[in-house]
């Protein structure tokens, strides 16, 4: 289950998605090639699918997918994502790690080479466990840490401001700041977790930004807006009164 309550089910070459607790399912496989083995959500809300042809990323809850295979010369039988945003993919003969949302991958073996990584999962103390075909369960000898621990920017350089005015009708302004140039999403959800608007979904330079949310097509009520940038995610509440 994703952070917004969506359910995903993989079967052969199909990815199914439900937004109503499994009552109905929609095929969201378009754009994803091969047999589907694993799916995981990034802290910023992106969805990653692992197939026998590599890793695919969706920035819009499965509506569209982009292959992310630079440096990944193996399939992705399993995917595990660390809370700091690092992504690990286990394949037929190797494991790989990405620290830039899947744009680039580097080998990650920790002593396990030429092995089929059937499953990956994080345990306590940030230790990564791997189920390896015909060999058993292995774990890393030390906790996984982010390669960005020494970066010049910190989470204090990121912020999401309360919208103004609030309550509002029909439009309101939302300000946010990011510490470095990167891909940013700013989305609005209803109280049931259904996405109702995408305000930002693109690369943005470092600094402060402002966007206007026009809600004239929505009903009165409480809505949530969420900013995702790098490993930073923050959600705030806004109120529409008509």
Protein backbone atom coordinates (compact mmCIF):
# COMPACT_ATOMS: atom_id res chain seq x y z
CA UNK A 1 0.00 0.00 0.00
CA UNK A 2 1.27 3.46 -0.88
CA UNK A 3 1.27 6.44 1.49
CA UNK A 4 -1.90 7.70 -0.23
CA UNK A 5 -3.72 4.38 0.27
CA UNK A 6 -3.34 2.99 -3.24
CA UNK A 7 -2.91 -0.78 -3.61
CA UNK A 8 -0.69 -2.37 -6.28
CA UNK A 9 -0.76 -5.99 -7.42
CA UNK A 10 1.76 -7.61 -9.78
CA UNK A 11 0.99 -10.65 -11.91
CA UNK A 12 3.11 -11.87 -14.83
CA UNK A 13 3.33 -8.82 -17.15
CA UNK A 14 0.57 -6.84 -15.44
CA UNK A 15 0.48 -4.13 -12.76
CA UNK A 16 -2.94 -3.55 -11.23
CA UNK A 17 -3.87 -0.59 -9.03
CA UNK A 18 -6.80 -0.02 -6.70
CA UNK A 19 -7.76 3.30 -5.12
CA UNK A 20 -10.73 1.93 -3.15
CA UNK A 21 -9.30 -0.82 -0.94
CA UNK A 22 -9.47 -3.49 -3.64
CA UNK A 23 -13.08 -3.09 -4.72
CA UNK A 24 -11.96 -2.14 -8.23
CA UNK A 25 -8.68 -2.57 -10.08
CA UNK A 26 -7.15 -0.71 -13.03
CA UNK A 27 -4.37 -1.96 -15.30
CA UNK A 28 -1.50 0.56 -15.09
CA UNK A 29 1.06 -1.60 -16.92
CA UNK A 30 1.35 0.61 -20.02
CA UNK A 31 4.96 1.62 -20.55
CA UNK A 32 6.44 -1.12 -18.34
CA UNK A 33 8.07 -3.97 -20.27
CA UNK A 34 8.71 -7.50 -19.12
CA UNK A 35 7.56 -9.63 -16.22
CA UNK A 36 6.77 -7.64 -13.08
CA UNK A 37 8.41 -8.85 -9.87
CA UNK A 38 8.47 -6.04 -7.32
CA UNK A 39 7.08 -2.61 -6.53
CA UNK A 40 8.01 -0.04 -3.89
CA UNK A 41 7.29 3.57 -2.94
CA UNK A 42 10.01 6.20 -2.53
CA UNK A 43 9.74 8.63 0.42
CA UNK A 44 8.87 11.37 -2.09
CA UNK A 45 5.87 9.39 -3.36
CA UNK A 46 7.37 8.03 -6.59
CA UNK A 47 6.54 4.40 -7.40
CA UNK A 48 9.27 2.02 -8.62
CA UNK A 49 8.55 -1.26 -10.41
CA UNK A 50 11.11 -4.01 -10.90
CA UNK A 51 10.89 -6.28 -13.94
CA UNK A 52 13.11 -8.77 -15.72
CA UNK A 53 14.16 -5.85 -17.94
CA UNK A 54 15.10 -3.39 -15.20
CA UNK A 55 13.53 -0.65 -13.09
CA UNK A 56 10.71 1.69 -14.06
CA UNK A 57 9.70 4.87 -12.23
CA UNK A 58 6.31 6.58 -12.01
CA UNK A 59 5.97 10.12 -10.70
CA UNK A 60 2.17 10.11 -10.99
CA UNK A 61 1.00 7.02 -9.14
CA UNK A 62 1.25 4.66 -12.10
CA UNK A 63 -0.38 6.78 -14.80
CA UNK A 64 2.89 6.72 -16.77
CA UNK A 65 6.30 5.08 -16.38
CA UNK A 66 9.91 5.88 -17.31
CA UNK A 67 12.67 3.25 -17.56
CA UNK A 68 15.59 4.00 -15.21
CA UNK A 69 18.36 1.61 -16.22
CA UNK A 70 21.57 3.66 -16.61
CA UNK A 71 24.28 1.41 -15.18
CA UNK A 72 21.77 -1.33 -14.38
CA UNK A 73 22.80 -4.26 -16.57
CA UNK A 74 20.51 -6.76 -14.88
CA UNK A 75 16.83 -7.32 -14.18
CA UNK A 76 15.17 -6.20 -10.95
CA UNK A 77 13.60 -9.14 -9.16
CA UNK A 78 13.40 -7.15 -5.93
CA UNK A 79 13.45 -3.51 -4.84
CA UNK A 80 14.06 -2.05 -1.39
CA UNK A 81 14.09 1.67 -0.62
CA UNK A 82 15.85 3.13 2.41
CA UNK A 83 14.05 5.92 4.32
CA UNK A 84 16.78 8.33 3.15
CA UNK A 85 15.78 7.65 -0.46
CA UNK A 86 18.52 5.25 -1.55
CA UNK A 87 17.12 2.58 -3.87
CA UNK A 88 18.40 -1.01 -4.03
CA UNK A 89 17.57 -3.42 -6.83
CA UNK A 90 18.36 -7.13 -6.74
CA UNK A 91 18.72 -8.95 -10.04
CA UNK A 92 19.55 -12.32 -11.54
CA UNK A 93 23.31 -12.08 -10.90
CA UNK A 94 23.90 -8.83 -9.00
CA UNK A 95 22.52 -6.04 -6.85
CA UNK A 96 22.67 -2.31 -7.58
CA UNK A 97 22.17 0.94 -5.69
CA UNK A 98 20.93 4.36 -6.82
CA UNK A 99 21.15 7.57 -4.81
CA UNK A 100 19.63 9.88 -7.42
CA UNK A 101 16.05 8.58 -7.77
CA UNK A 102 17.12 5.80 -10.14
CA UNK A 103 18.80 7.97 -12.77
CA UNK A 104 22.11 6.13 -12.25
CA UNK A 105 22.94 2.75 -10.73
CA UNK A 106 26.14 1.36 -9.22
CA UNK A 107 26.96 -2.27 -8.30
CA UNK A 108 26.29 -3.14 -4.67
CA UNK A 109 27.41 -6.63 -3.69
CA UNK A 110 28.76 -6.59 -0.11
CA UNK A 111 30.45 -9.93 -0.83
CA UNK A 112 27.52 -11.55 -2.66
CA UNK A 113 28.43 -11.88 -6.32
CA UNK A 114 26.90 -13.85 -9.19
CA UNK A 115 23.81 -14.51 -7.07
CA UNK A 116 20.11 -14.27 -7.78
CA UNK A 117 18.56 -11.77 -5.35
CA UNK A 118 15.01 -13.04 -4.89
CA UNK A 119 14.06 -10.43 -2.29
CA UNK A 120 15.48 -7.39 -0.49
CA UNK A 121 14.22 -5.80 2.73
CA UNK A 122 15.46 -3.43 5.41
CA UNK A 123 15.52 -4.58 9.01
CA UNK A 124 16.28 -2.78 12.23
CA UNK A 125 19.28 -0.45 12.41
CA UNK A 126 19.21 0.11 8.62
CA UNK A 127 20.63 -3.35 7.86
CA UNK A 128 19.73 -4.64 4.39
CA UNK A 129 18.64 -8.30 4.16
CA UNK A 130 18.76 -10.29 0.92
CA UNK A 131 17.10 -13.61 0.11
CA UNK A 132 19.48 -15.30 -2.35
CA UNK A 133 18.29 -18.18 -4.50
CA UNK A 134 19.56 -21.59 -3.27
CA UNK A 135 21.84 -19.95 -0.66
CA UNK A 136 19.56 -18.51 2.02
CA UNK A 137 19.25 -15.11 3.68
CA UNK A 138 22.18 -12.72 3.89
CA UNK A 139 22.56 -9.26 5.40
CA UNK A 140 24.94 -6.36 5.07
CA UNK A 141 27.74 -6.26 7.62
CA UNK A 142 27.04 -2.63 8.51
CA UNK A 143 24.05 -0.26 8.36
CA UNK A 144 23.22 1.37 5.06
CA UNK A 145 23.99 5.09 5.03
CA UNK A 146 23.26 7.79 2.49
CA UNK A 147 26.05 9.00 0.24
CA UNK A 148 24.60 12.46 0.74
CA UNK A 149 25.36 12.68 4.46
CA UNK A 150 28.07 15.24 3.77
CA UNK A 151 26.16 17.34 1.27
CA UNK A 152 26.31 21.12 1.66
CA UNK A 153 22.53 21.42 1.85
CA UNK A 154 20.41 19.99 4.65
CA UNK A 155 16.73 19.45 5.28
CA UNK A 156 16.64 22.87 6.94
CA UNK A 157 17.09 24.31 3.42
CA UNK A 158 13.72 22.81 2.46
CA UNK A 159 10.35 24.12 3.55
CA UNK A 160 6.68 24.14 2.66
CA UNK A 161 4.68 27.17 3.79
CA UNK A 162 1.04 27.32 4.80
CA UNK A 163 -1.09 28.40 1.87
CA UNK A 164 -2.50 31.95 1.88
CA UNK A 165 -5.27 32.79 2.16
CA UNK A 166 -6.64 29.87 4.14
CA UNK A 167 -9.59 29.24 4.11
CA UNK A 168 -9.86 30.34 0.48
CA UNK A 169 -12.18 30.57 -2.52
CA UNK A 170 -11.45 29.83 -5.31
CA UNK A 171 -7.64 30.17 -5.40
CA UNK A 172 -4.75 30.32 -2.97
CA UNK A 173 -0.96 30.68 -3.09
CA UNK A 174 1.54 28.08 -1.86
CA UNK A 175 5.21 28.88 -1.28
CA UNK A 176 8.05 26.40 -0.89
CA UNK A 177 11.86 26.37 -0.82
CA UNK A 178 14.38 23.75 -1.93
CA UNK A 179 18.08 23.55 -1.11
CA UNK A 180 19.36 22.48 -4.53
CA UNK A 181 18.26 22.11 -8.14
CA UNK A 182 16.18 18.92 -8.43
CA UNK A 183 12.92 17.31 -9.47
CA UNK A 184 9.98 18.57 -7.40
CA UNK A 185 6.39 17.45 -7.05
CA UNK A 186 3.62 19.39 -5.34
CA UNK A 187 0.28 17.60 -5.32
CA UNK A 188 -3.14 18.09 -3.74
CA UNK A 189 -5.21 15.23 -2.30
CA UNK A 190 -8.66 14.96 -0.80
CA UNK A 191 -9.08 13.55 2.71
CA UNK A 192 -9.49 10.03 1.28
CA UNK A 193 -6.06 10.21 -0.33
CA UNK A 194 -7.27 10.69 -3.92
CA UNK A 195 -5.05 13.00 -5.96
CA UNK A 196 -7.09 15.97 -7.23
CA UNK A 197 -4.38 18.25 -8.65
CA UNK A 198 -0.70 18.31 -9.61
CA UNK A 199 0.72 21.80 -9.16
CA UNK A 200 4.41 21.05 -9.78
CA UNK A 201 5.98 18.05 -11.49
CA UNK A 202 9.32 19.17 -12.93
CA UNK A 203 12.92 20.12 -12.28
CA UNK A 204 13.23 23.31 -10.22
CA UNK A 205 16.29 25.43 -9.32
CA UNK A 206 17.34 25.99 -5.72
CA UNK A 207 15.53 28.78 -3.89
CA UNK A 208 12.01 29.91 -3.09
CA UNK A 209 9.05 29.26 -5.38
CA UNK A 210 5.37 30.10 -5.41
CA UNK A 211 2.45 28.42 -7.16
CA UNK A 212 -1.27 29.20 -7.33
CA UNK A 213 -3.85 26.51 -6.68
CA UNK A 214 -7.15 27.13 -8.49
CA UNK A 215 -9.87 25.00 -6.90
CA UNK A 216 -12.94 26.37 -8.69
CA UNK A 217 -13.77 22.86 -10.00
CA UNK A 218 -13.63 21.25 -6.55
CA UNK A 219 -16.21 21.00 -3.81
CA UNK A 220 -15.86 22.75 -0.48
CA UNK A 221 -13.90 20.83 2.10
CA UNK A 222 -10.51 20.02 3.57
CA UNK A 223 -7.65 19.08 1.24
CA UNK A 224 -4.02 18.12 1.75
CA UNK A 225 -1.06 19.33 -0.28
CA UNK A 226 2.28 17.52 -0.29
CA UNK A 227 5.71 18.71 -1.40
CA UNK A 228 8.31 16.07 -2.35
CA UNK A 229 11.91 16.99 -3.22
CA UNK A 230 14.86 14.65 -2.81
CA UNK A 231 14.34 12.97 0.60
CA UNK A 232 12.22 15.88 1.89
CA UNK A 233 8.46 15.39 2.10
CA UNK A 234 5.98 17.61 3.92
CA UNK A 235 2.20 17.76 3.92
CA UNK A 236 -0.11 20.59 5.03
CA UNK A 237 -3.85 21.14 5.16
CA UNK A 238 -5.89 23.71 3.26
CA UNK A 239 -9.59 24.55 3.49
CA UNK A 240 -11.81 25.43 0.54
CA UNK A 241 -15.05 27.26 1.41
CA UNK A 242 -17.53 28.20 -1.30
